[in-house]
Amino acid sequence: MREVRDADGGARISLLLYHSQSTRVVTLEEGRVVVLGRDPSAELPFADDGLSRRHARFEVVAGEVWVEDLGSTNGTKLNGQRIDSRPGRRGPTR
């Protein structure tokens, strides 16, 4: 996750996801929940058998990005540690 300054100086938080076949960038906003999973109805669908249908969710709460595992079979890791729910760490500001 990275906070980037827009041309007008406002902060924007982007989630950068690397996958074996692609890379995606998603802008996260306060009050918007983004779900990652292999279900085509997920906000971030990935056709990957290692993901559950609704695997993990990302949400900005009071300016902080939270990552939550949604009961996935293989679990969700943040910085190499398996998590249930916790704030994510942001990369450098540009």
PDB file of N, CA and C in Angstrom:
ATOM      1  N   MET A   1       0.849  -1.157   0.000  1.00  0.00           N
ATOM      2  CA  MET A   1       0.000   0.000   0.000  1.00  0.00           C
ATOM      3  C   MET A   1       0.895   1.220   0.000  1.00  0.00           C
ATOM      4  N   ARG A   2       0.463   2.218  -0.713  1.00  0.00           N
ATOM      5  CA  ARG A   2       1.291   3.407  -0.855  1.00  0.00           C
ATOM      6  C   ARG A   2       0.400   4.630  -0.869  1.00  0.00           C
ATOM      7  N   GLU A   3       0.801   5.635  -0.118  1.00  0.00           N
ATOM      8  CA  GLU A   3       0.100   6.911  -0.169  1.00  0.00           C
ATOM      9  C   GLU A   3       0.820   7.779  -1.182  1.00  0.00           C
ATOM     10  N   VAL A   4       0.076   8.293  -2.140  1.00  0.00           N
ATOM     11  CA  VAL A   4       0.634   9.132  -3.204  1.00  0.00           C
ATOM     12  C   VAL A   4      -0.080  10.466  -3.161  1.00  0.00           C
ATOM     13  N   ARG A   5       0.646  11.541  -3.384  1.00  0.00           N
ATOM     14  CA  ARG A   5       0.047  12.874  -3.419  1.00  0.00           C
ATOM     15  C   ARG A   5      -0.426  13.182  -4.830  1.00  0.00           C
ATOM     16  N   ASP A   6      -1.673  13.633  -4.955  1.00  0.00           N
ATOM     17  CA  ASP A   6      -2.202  14.071  -6.239  1.00  0.00           C
ATOM     18  C   ASP A   6      -1.573  15.403  -6.607  1.00  0.00           C
ATOM     19  N   ALA A   7      -1.815  15.865  -7.824  1.00  0.00           N
ATOM     20  CA  ALA A   7      -1.287  17.147  -8.290  1.00  0.00           C
ATOM     21  C   ALA A   7      -1.739  18.294  -7.390  1.00  0.00           C
ATOM     22  N   ASP A   8      -2.944  18.173  -6.809  1.00  0.00           N
ATOM     23  CA  ASP A   8      -3.445  19.240  -5.931  1.00  0.00           C
ATOM     24  C   ASP A   8      -2.991  19.064  -4.480  1.00  0.00           C
ATOM     25  N   GLY A   9      -2.123  18.077  -4.206  1.00  0.00           N
ATOM     26  CA  GLY A   9      -1.580  17.876  -2.867  1.00  0.00           C
ATOM     27  C   GLY A   9      -2.384  16.933  -1.999  1.00  0.00           C
ATOM     28  N   GLY A  10      -3.537  16.450  -2.478  1.00  0.00           N
ATOM     29  CA  GLY A  10      -4.343  15.517  -1.695  1.00  0.00           C
ATOM     30  C   GLY A  10      -3.723  14.130  -1.675  1.00  0.00           C
ATOM     31  N   ALA A  11      -3.958  13.401  -0.598  1.00  0.00           N
ATOM     32  CA  ALA A  11      -3.408  12.053  -0.458  1.00  0.00           C
ATOM     33  C   ALA A  11      -4.308  11.040  -1.143  1.00  0.00           C
ATOM     34  N   ARG A  12      -3.684  10.051  -1.753  1.00  0.00           N
ATOM     35  CA  ARG A  12      -4.404   8.949  -2.375  1.00  0.00           C
ATOM     36  C   ARG A  12      -3.701   7.672  -1.944  1.00  0.00           C
ATOM     37  N   ILE A  13      -4.456   6.683  -1.503  1.00  0.00           N
ATOM     38  CA  ILE A  13      -3.874   5.409  -1.080  1.00  0.00           C
ATOM     39  C   ILE A  13      -4.165   4.383  -2.164  1.00  0.00           C
ATOM     40  N   SER A  14      -3.106   3.750  -2.652  1.00  0.00           N
ATOM     41  CA  SER A  14      -3.254   2.743  -3.699  1.00  0.00           C
ATOM     42  C   SER A  14      -2.761   1.397  -3.197  1.00  0.00           C
ATOM     43  N   LEU A  15      -3.471   0.363  -3.600  1.00  0.00           N
ATOM     44  CA  LEU A  15      -3.103  -1.008  -3.298  1.00  0.00           C
ATOM     45  C   LEU A  15      -2.521  -1.599  -4.571  1.00  0.00           C
ATOM     46  N   LEU A  16      -1.303  -2.095  -4.509  1.00  0.00           N
ATOM     47  CA  LEU A  16      -0.629  -2.680  -5.661  1.00  0.00           C
ATOM     48  C   LEU A  16      -0.562  -4.182  -5.440  1.00  0.00           C
ATOM     49  N   LEU A  17      -1.234  -4.950  -6.321  1.00  0.00           N
ATOM     50  CA  LEU A  17      -1.290  -6.403  -6.195  1.00  0.00           C
ATOM     51  C   LEU A  17      -0.513  -7.056  -7.320  1.00  0.00           C
ATOM     52  N   TYR A  18       0.440  -7.894  -6.944  1.00  0.00           N
ATOM     53  CA  TYR A  18       1.203  -8.661  -7.914  1.00  0.00           C
ATOM     54  C   TYR A  18       0.632 -10.068  -7.954  1.00  0.00           C
ATOM     55  N   HIS A  19       0.427 -10.588  -9.133  1.00  0.00           N
ATOM     56  CA  HIS A  19      -0.058 -11.940  -9.321  1.00  0.00           C
ATOM     57  C   HIS A  19       0.815 -12.575 -10.394  1.00  0.00           C
ATOM     58  N   SER A  20       0.836 -13.886 -10.459  1.00  0.00           N
ATOM     59  CA  SER A  20       1.718 -14.558 -11.413  1.00  0.00           C
ATOM     60  C   SER A  20       1.495 -14.116 -12.858  1.00  0.00           C
ATOM     61  N   GLN A  21       0.270 -13.740 -13.206  1.00  0.00           N
ATOM     62  CA  GLN A  21      -0.034 -13.360 -14.582  1.00  0.00           C
ATOM     63  C   GLN A  21      -0.269 -11.866 -14.787  1.00  0.00           C
ATOM     64  N   SER A  22      -0.409 -11.100 -13.701  1.00  0.00           N
ATOM     65  CA  SER A  22      -0.744  -9.688 -13.881  1.00  0.00           C
ATOM     66  C   SER A  22      -0.417  -8.865 -12.641  1.00  0.00           C
ATOM     67  N   THR A  23      -0.520  -7.571 -12.805  1.00  0.00           N
ATOM     68  CA  THR A  23      -0.375  -6.619 -11.704  1.00  0.00           C
ATOM     69  C   THR A  23      -1.578  -5.690 -11.768  1.00  0.00           C
ATOM     70  N   ARG A  24      -2.134  -5.366 -10.619  1.00  0.00           N
ATOM     71  CA  ARG A  24      -3.272  -4.451 -10.573  1.00  0.00           C
ATOM     72  C   ARG A  24      -3.024  -3.370  -9.530  1.00  0.00           C
ATOM     73  N   VAL A  25      -3.518  -2.184  -9.847  1.00  0.00           N
ATOM     74  CA  VAL A  25      -3.468  -1.064  -8.917  1.00  0.00           C
ATOM     75  C   VAL A  25      -4.901  -0.642  -8.649  1.00  0.00           C
ATOM     76  N   VAL A  26      -5.245  -0.534  -7.369  1.00  0.00           N
ATOM     77  CA  VAL A  26      -6.595  -0.144  -6.965  1.00  0.00           C
ATOM     78  C   VAL A  26      -6.473   1.014  -5.984  1.00  0.00           C
ATOM     79  N   THR A  27      -7.209   2.081  -6.229  1.00  0.00           N
ATOM     80  CA  THR A  27      -7.240   3.198  -5.300  1.00  0.00           C
ATOM     81  C   THR A  27      -8.236   2.882  -4.197  1.00  0.00           C
ATOM     82  N   LEU A  28      -7.780   3.001  -2.955  1.00  0.00           N
ATOM     83  CA  LEU A  28      -8.641   2.742  -1.800  1.00  0.00           C
ATOM     84  C   LEU A  28      -9.158   4.067  -1.266  1.00  0.00           C
ATOM     85  N   GLU A  29     -10.431   4.075  -0.900  1.00  0.00           N
ATOM     86  CA  GLU A  29     -11.067   5.283  -0.383  1.00  0.00           C
ATOM     87  C   GLU A  29     -11.779   4.975   0.920  1.00  0.00           C
ATOM     88  N   GLU A  30     -11.821   5.954   1.791  1.00  0.00           N
ATOM     89  CA  GLU A  30     -12.546   5.832   3.058  1.00  0.00           C
ATOM     90  C   GLU A  30     -13.981   5.396   2.773  1.00  0.00           C
ATOM     91  N   GLY A  31     -14.438   4.375   3.495  1.00  0.00           N
ATOM     92  CA  GLY A  31     -15.820   3.928   3.365  1.00  0.00           C
ATOM     93  C   GLY A  31     -16.086   2.954   2.227  1.00  0.00           C
ATOM     94  N   ARG A  32     -15.079   2.648   1.421  1.00  0.00           N
ATOM     95  CA  ARG A  32     -15.247   1.696   0.313  1.00  0.00           C
ATOM     96  C   ARG A  32     -14.525   0.397   0.658  1.00  0.00           C
ATOM     97  N   VAL A  33     -15.259  -0.713   0.637  1.00  0.00           N
ATOM     98  CA  VAL A  33     -14.680  -2.019   0.914  1.00  0.00           C
ATOM     99  C   VAL A  33     -14.292  -2.669  -0.414  1.00  0.00           C
ATOM    100  N   VAL A  34     -13.083  -3.198  -0.486  1.00  0.00           N
ATOM    101  CA  VAL A  34     -12.605  -3.890  -1.682  1.00  0.00           C
ATOM    102  C   VAL A  34     -12.319  -5.338  -1.288  1.00  0.00           C
ATOM    103  N   VAL A  35     -13.010  -6.279  -1.951  1.00  0.00           N
ATOM    104  CA  VAL A  35     -12.841  -7.705  -1.667  1.00  0.00           C
ATOM    105  C   VAL A  35     -12.029  -8.355  -2.782  1.00  0.00           C
ATOM    106  N   LEU A  36     -11.052  -9.154  -2.381  1.00  0.00           N
ATOM    107  CA  LEU A  36     -10.208  -9.923  -3.285  1.00  0.00           C
ATOM    108  C   LEU A  36     -10.646 -11.378  -3.221  1.00  0.00           C
ATOM    109  N   GLY A  37     -10.784 -12.024  -4.355  1.00  0.00           N
ATOM    110  CA  GLY A  37     -11.132 -13.437  -4.370  1.00  0.00           C
ATOM    111  C   GLY A  37     -11.327 -13.943  -5.775  1.00  0.00           C
ATOM    112  N   ARG A  38     -11.622 -15.246  -5.902  1.00  0.00           N
ATOM    113  CA  ARG A  38     -11.803 -15.790  -7.251  1.00  0.00           C
ATOM    114  C   ARG A  38     -13.238 -15.708  -7.732  1.00  0.00           C
ATOM    115  N   ASP A  39     -14.159 -15.260  -6.882  1.00  0.00           N
ATOM    116  CA  ASP A  39     -15.540 -15.049  -7.311  1.00  0.00           C
ATOM    117  C   ASP A  39     -15.571 -13.867  -8.289  1.00  0.00           C
ATOM    118  N   PRO A  40     -16.176 -14.044  -9.449  1.00  0.00           N
ATOM    119  CA  PRO A  40     -16.214 -12.949 -10.435  1.00  0.00           C
ATOM    120  C   PRO A  40     -16.903 -11.683  -9.922  1.00  0.00           C
ATOM    121  N   SER A  41     -17.725 -11.807  -8.875  1.00  0.00           N
ATOM    122  CA  SER A  41     -18.402 -10.623  -8.337  1.00  0.00           C
ATOM    123  C   SER A  41     -17.523  -9.840  -7.353  1.00  0.00           C
ATOM    124  N   ALA A  42     -16.359 -10.359  -6.998  1.00  0.00           N
ATOM    125  CA  ALA A  42     -15.445  -9.641  -6.101  1.00  0.00           C
ATOM    126  C   ALA A  42     -14.942  -8.386  -6.802  1.00  0.00           C
ATOM    127  N   GLU A  43     -14.656  -7.342  -6.028  1.00  0.00           N
ATOM    128  CA  GLU A  43     -14.134  -6.110  -6.602  1.00  0.00           C
ATOM    129  C   GLU A  43     -12.783  -6.347  -7.275  1.00  0.00           C
ATOM    130  N   LEU A  44     -12.020  -7.310  -6.746  1.00  0.00           N
ATOM    131  CA  LEU A  44     -10.727  -7.702  -7.316  1.00  0.00           C
ATOM    132  C   LEU A  44     -10.746  -9.202  -7.596  1.00  0.00           C
ATOM    133  N   PRO A  45     -11.342  -9.602  -8.710  1.00  0.00           N
ATOM    134  CA  PRO A  45     -11.388 -11.037  -9.001  1.00  0.00           C
ATOM    135  C   PRO A  45     -10.078 -11.534  -9.611  1.00  0.00           C
ATOM    136  N   PHE A  46      -9.594 -12.669  -9.117  1.00  0.00           N
ATOM    137  CA  PHE A  46      -8.422 -13.345  -9.665  1.00  0.00           C
ATOM    138  C   PHE A  46      -8.784 -14.810  -9.863  1.00  0.00           C
ATOM    139  N   ALA A  47      -8.551 -15.345 -11.047  1.00  0.00           N
ATOM    140  CA  ALA A  47      -8.797 -16.758 -11.325  1.00  0.00           C
ATOM    141  C   ALA A  47      -7.584 -17.545 -10.840  1.00  0.00           C
ATOM    142  N   ASP A  48      -7.581 -17.886  -9.556  1.00  0.00           N
ATOM    143  CA  ASP A  48      -6.452 -18.576  -8.946  1.00  0.00           C
ATOM    144  C   ASP A  48      -7.006 -19.558  -7.922  1.00  0.00           C
ATOM    145  N   ASP A  49      -6.706 -20.845  -8.083  1.00  0.00           N
ATOM    146  CA  ASP A  49      -7.213 -21.868  -7.163  1.00  0.00           C
ATOM    147  C   ASP A  49      -6.675 -21.707  -5.746  1.00  0.00           C
ATOM    148  N   GLY A  50      -5.611 -20.932  -5.567  1.00  0.00           N
ATOM    149  CA  GLY A  50      -5.062 -20.694  -4.234  1.00  0.00           C
ATOM    150  C   GLY A  50      -5.864 -19.670  -3.433  1.00  0.00           C
ATOM    151  N   LEU A  51      -6.799 -19.004  -4.090  1.00  0.00           N
ATOM    152  CA  LEU A  51      -7.646 -18.012  -3.426  1.00  0.00           C
ATOM    153  C   LEU A  51      -9.023 -18.593  -3.166  1.00  0.00           C
ATOM    154  N   SER A  52      -9.619 -18.183  -2.079  1.00  0.00           N
ATOM    155  CA  SER A  52     -11.011 -18.529  -1.814  1.00  0.00           C
ATOM    156  C   SER A  52     -11.902 -17.625  -2.654  1.00  0.00           C
ATOM    157  N   ARG A  53     -13.175 -17.984  -2.746  1.00  0.00           N
ATOM    158  CA  ARG A  53     -14.095 -17.163  -3.542  1.00  0.00           C
ATOM    159  C   ARG A  53     -14.109 -15.722  -3.053  1.00  0.00           C
ATOM    160  N   ARG A  54     -14.177 -15.544  -1.758  1.00  0.00           N
ATOM    161  CA  ARG A  54     -14.075 -14.223  -1.131  1.00  0.00           C
ATOM    162  C   ARG A  54     -12.966 -14.376  -0.094  1.00  0.00           C
ATOM    163  N   HIS A  55     -11.772 -13.999  -0.479  1.00  0.00           N
ATOM    164  CA  HIS A  55     -10.567 -14.320   0.271  1.00  0.00           C
ATOM    165  C   HIS A  55     -10.217 -13.289   1.354  1.00  0.00           C
ATOM    166  N   ALA A  56     -10.119 -12.031   0.952  1.00  0.00           N
ATOM    167  CA  ALA A  56      -9.703 -10.978   1.887  1.00  0.00           C
ATOM    168  C   ALA A  56     -10.361  -9.665   1.500  1.00  0.00           C
ATOM    169  N   ARG A  57     -10.454  -8.783   2.481  1.00  0.00           N
ATOM    170  CA  ARG A  57     -11.028  -7.463   2.212  1.00  0.00           C
ATOM    171  C   ARG A  57     -10.067  -6.383   2.675  1.00  0.00           C
ATOM    172  N   PHE A  58     -10.159  -5.247   1.995  1.00  0.00           N
ATOM    173  CA  PHE A  58      -9.344  -4.077   2.296  1.00  0.00           C
ATOM    174  C   PHE A  58     -10.285  -2.910   2.510  1.00  0.00           C
ATOM    175  N   GLU A  59     -10.012  -2.121   3.556  1.00  0.00           N
ATOM    176  CA  GLU A  59     -10.876  -0.979   3.861  1.00  0.00           C
ATOM    177  C   GLU A  59     -10.054   0.100   4.547  1.00  0.00           C
ATOM    178  N   VAL A  60     -10.295   1.348   4.187  1.00  0.00           N
ATOM    179  CA  VAL A  60      -9.650   2.474   4.845  1.00  0.00           C
ATOM    180  C   VAL A  60     -10.567   2.937   5.974  1.00  0.00           C
ATOM    181  N   VAL A  61     -10.038   2.936   7.203  1.00  0.00           N
ATOM    182  CA  VAL A  61     -10.787   3.360   8.382  1.00  0.00           C
ATOM    183  C   VAL A  61      -9.963   4.429   9.092  1.00  0.00           C
ATOM    184  N   ALA A  62     -10.511   5.621   9.184  1.00  0.00           N
ATOM    185  CA  ALA A  62      -9.820   6.749   9.825  1.00  0.00           C
ATOM    186  C   ALA A  62      -8.416   6.950   9.246  1.00  0.00           C
ATOM    187  N   GLY A  63      -8.317   6.841   7.921  1.00  0.00           N
ATOM    188  CA  GLY A  63      -7.055   7.074   7.242  1.00  0.00           C
ATOM    189  C   GLY A  63      -6.079   5.917   7.279  1.00  0.00           C
ATOM    190  N   GLU A  64      -6.471   4.793   7.883  1.00  0.00           N
ATOM    191  CA  GLU A  64      -5.597   3.629   8.001  1.00  0.00           C
ATOM    192  C   GLU A  64      -6.192   2.465   7.210  1.00  0.00           C
ATOM    193  N   VAL A  65      -5.360   1.754   6.456  1.00  0.00           N
ATOM    194  CA  VAL A  65      -5.834   0.631   5.651  1.00  0.00           C
ATOM    195  C   VAL A  65      -5.861  -0.633   6.508  1.00  0.00           C
ATOM    196  N   TRP A  66      -7.021  -1.280   6.536  1.00  0.00           N
ATOM    197  CA  TRP A  66      -7.192  -2.531   7.267  1.00  0.00           C
ATOM    198  C   TRP A  66      -7.305  -3.675   6.275  1.00  0.00           C
ATOM    199  N   VAL A  67      -6.653  -4.791   6.608  1.00  0.00           N
ATOM    200  CA  VAL A  67      -6.705  -6.015   5.815  1.00  0.00           C
ATOM    201  C   VAL A  67      -7.357  -7.077   6.699  1.00  0.00           C
ATOM    202  N   GLU A  68      -8.363  -7.779   6.152  1.00  0.00           N
ATOM    203  CA  GLU A  68      -9.074  -8.796   6.922  1.00  0.00           C
ATOM    204  C   GLU A  68      -9.213 -10.074   6.097  1.00  0.00           C
ATOM    205  N   ASP A  69      -8.824 -11.193   6.682  1.00  0.00           N
ATOM    206  CA  ASP A  69      -9.054 -12.488   6.054  1.00  0.00           C
ATOM    207  C   ASP A  69     -10.533 -12.815   6.202  1.00  0.00           C
ATOM    208  N   LEU A  70     -11.150 -13.328   5.153  1.00  0.00           N
ATOM    209  CA  LEU A  70     -12.589 -13.626   5.176  1.00  0.00           C
ATOM    210  C   LEU A  70     -12.853 -15.119   5.370  1.00  0.00           C
ATOM    211  N   GLY A  71     -12.051 -15.764   6.218  1.00  0.00           N
ATOM    212  CA  GLY A  71     -12.221 -17.188   6.474  1.00  0.00           C
ATOM    213  C   GLY A  71     -11.690 -18.043   5.345  1.00  0.00           C
ATOM    214  N   SER A  72     -10.688 -17.547   4.639  1.00  0.00           N
ATOM    215  CA  SER A  72     -10.140 -18.262   3.489  1.00  0.00           C
ATOM    216  C   SER A  72      -9.487 -19.579   3.912  1.00  0.00           C
ATOM    217  N   THR A  73      -9.468 -20.525   3.009  1.00  0.00           N
ATOM    218  CA  THR A  73      -8.876 -21.833   3.280  1.00  0.00           C
ATOM    219  C   THR A  73      -7.375 -21.732   3.496  1.00  0.00           C
ATOM    220  N   ASN A  74      -6.687 -20.974   2.655  1.00  0.00           N
ATOM    221  CA  ASN A  74      -5.227 -20.881   2.723  1.00  0.00           C
ATOM    222  C   ASN A  74      -4.725 -19.733   3.579  1.00  0.00           C
ATOM    223  N   GLY A  75      -5.621 -18.921   4.109  1.00  0.00           N
ATOM    224  CA  GLY A  75      -5.227 -17.810   4.962  1.00  0.00           C
ATOM    225  C   GLY A  75      -4.744 -16.607   4.176  1.00  0.00           C
ATOM    226  N   THR A  76      -4.606 -15.506   4.888  1.00  0.00           N
ATOM    227  CA  THR A  76      -4.113 -14.254   4.324  1.00  0.00           C
ATOM    228  C   THR A  76      -2.870 -13.858   5.096  1.00  0.00           C
ATOM    229  N   LYS A  77      -1.828 -13.476   4.379  1.00  0.00           N
ATOM    230  CA  LYS A  77      -0.585 -13.051   5.017  1.00  0.00           C
ATOM    231  C   LYS A  77      -0.342 -11.584   4.733  1.00  0.00           C
ATOM    232  N   LEU A  78       0.170 -10.905   5.734  1.00  0.00           N
ATOM    233  CA  LEU A  78       0.559  -9.508   5.618  1.00  0.00           C
ATOM    234  C   LEU A  78       1.983  -9.412   6.132  1.00  0.00           C
ATOM    235  N   ASN A  79       2.886  -8.974   5.275  1.00  0.00           N
ATOM    236  CA  ASN A  79       4.312  -8.913   5.630  1.00  0.00           C
ATOM    237  C   ASN A  79       4.822 -10.265   6.123  1.00  0.00           C
ATOM    238  N   GLY A  80       4.336 -11.352   5.500  1.00  0.00           N
ATOM    239  CA  GLY A  80       4.812 -12.693   5.804  1.00  0.00           C
ATOM    240  C   GLY A  80       4.150 -13.366   6.990  1.00  0.00           C
ATOM    241  N   GLN A  81       3.268 -12.669   7.698  1.00  0.00           N
ATOM    242  CA  GLN A  81       2.601 -13.243   8.877  1.00  0.00           C
ATOM    243  C   GLN A  81       1.125 -13.445   8.590  1.00  0.00           C
ATOM    244  N   ARG A  82       0.611 -14.615   8.964  1.00  0.00           N
ATOM    245  CA  ARG A  82      -0.809 -14.903   8.774  1.00  0.00           C
ATOM    246  C   ARG A  82      -1.619 -14.001   9.707  1.00  0.00           C
ATOM    247  N   ILE A  83      -2.700 -13.441   9.175  1.00  0.00           N
ATOM    248  CA  ILE A  83      -3.503 -12.492   9.949  1.00  0.00           C
ATOM    249  C   ILE A  83      -4.975 -12.860   9.891  1.00  0.00           C
ATOM    250  N   ASP A  84      -5.718 -12.344  10.864  1.00  0.00           N
ATOM    251  CA  ASP A  84      -7.179 -12.363  10.822  1.00  0.00           C
ATOM    252  C   ASP A  84      -7.650 -10.996  10.346  1.00  0.00           C
ATOM    253  N   SER A  85      -7.213  -9.960  11.049  1.00  0.00           N
ATOM    254  CA  SER A  85      -7.539  -8.586  10.686  1.00  0.00           C
ATOM    255  C   SER A  85      -6.534  -7.670  11.369  1.00  0.00           C
ATOM    256  N   ARG A  86      -5.985  -6.741  10.586  1.00  0.00           N
ATOM    257  CA  ARG A  86      -5.079  -5.756  11.182  1.00  0.00           C
ATOM    258  C   ARG A  86      -4.741  -4.682  10.162  1.00  0.00           C
ATOM    259  N   PRO A  87      -4.234  -3.563  10.663  1.00  0.00           N
ATOM    260  CA  PRO A  87      -3.878  -2.488   9.727  1.00  0.00           C
ATOM    261  C   PRO A  87      -2.649  -2.881   8.915  1.00  0.00           C
ATOM    262  N   GLY A  88      -2.646  -2.434   7.667  1.00  0.00           N
ATOM    263  CA  GLY A  88      -1.507  -2.684   6.790  1.00  0.00           C
ATOM    264  C   GLY A  88      -0.496  -1.572   6.902  1.00  0.00           C
ATOM    265  N   ARG A  89       0.698  -1.839   6.458  1.00  0.00           N
ATOM    266  CA  ARG A  89       1.753  -0.843   6.498  1.00  0.00           C
ATOM    267  C   ARG A  89       1.834  -0.183   5.129  1.00  0.00           C
ATOM    268  N   ARG A  90       1.935   1.126   5.130  1.00  0.00           N
ATOM    269  CA  ARG A  90       2.046   1.869   3.871  1.00  0.00           C
ATOM    270  C   ARG A  90       3.490   2.018   3.465  1.00  0.00           C
ATOM    271  N   GLY A  91       3.694   2.061   2.155  1.00  0.00           N
ATOM    272  CA  GLY A  91       5.022   2.341   1.607  1.00  0.00           C
ATOM    273  C   GLY A  91       5.292   3.831   1.665  1.00  0.00           C
ATOM    274  N   PRO A  92       6.394   4.260   1.101  1.00  0.00           N
ATOM    275  CA  PRO A  92       6.765   5.680   1.157  1.00  0.00           C
ATOM    276  C   PRO A  92       5.801   6.571   0.383  1.00  0.00           C
ATOM    277  N   THR A  93       5.726   7.809   0.823  1.00  0.00           N
ATOM    278  CA  THR A  93       4.912   8.824   0.142  1.00  0.00           C
ATOM    279  C   THR A  93       5.736   9.433  -0.979  1.00  0.00           C
ATOM    280  N   ARG A  94       5.081   9.658  -2.113  1.00  0.00           N
ATOM    281  CA  ARG A  94       5.769  10.322  -3.235  1.00  0.00           C
ATOM    282  C   ARG A  94       5.123  11.642  -3.493  1.00  0.00           C
TER     283      ARG A  94
END
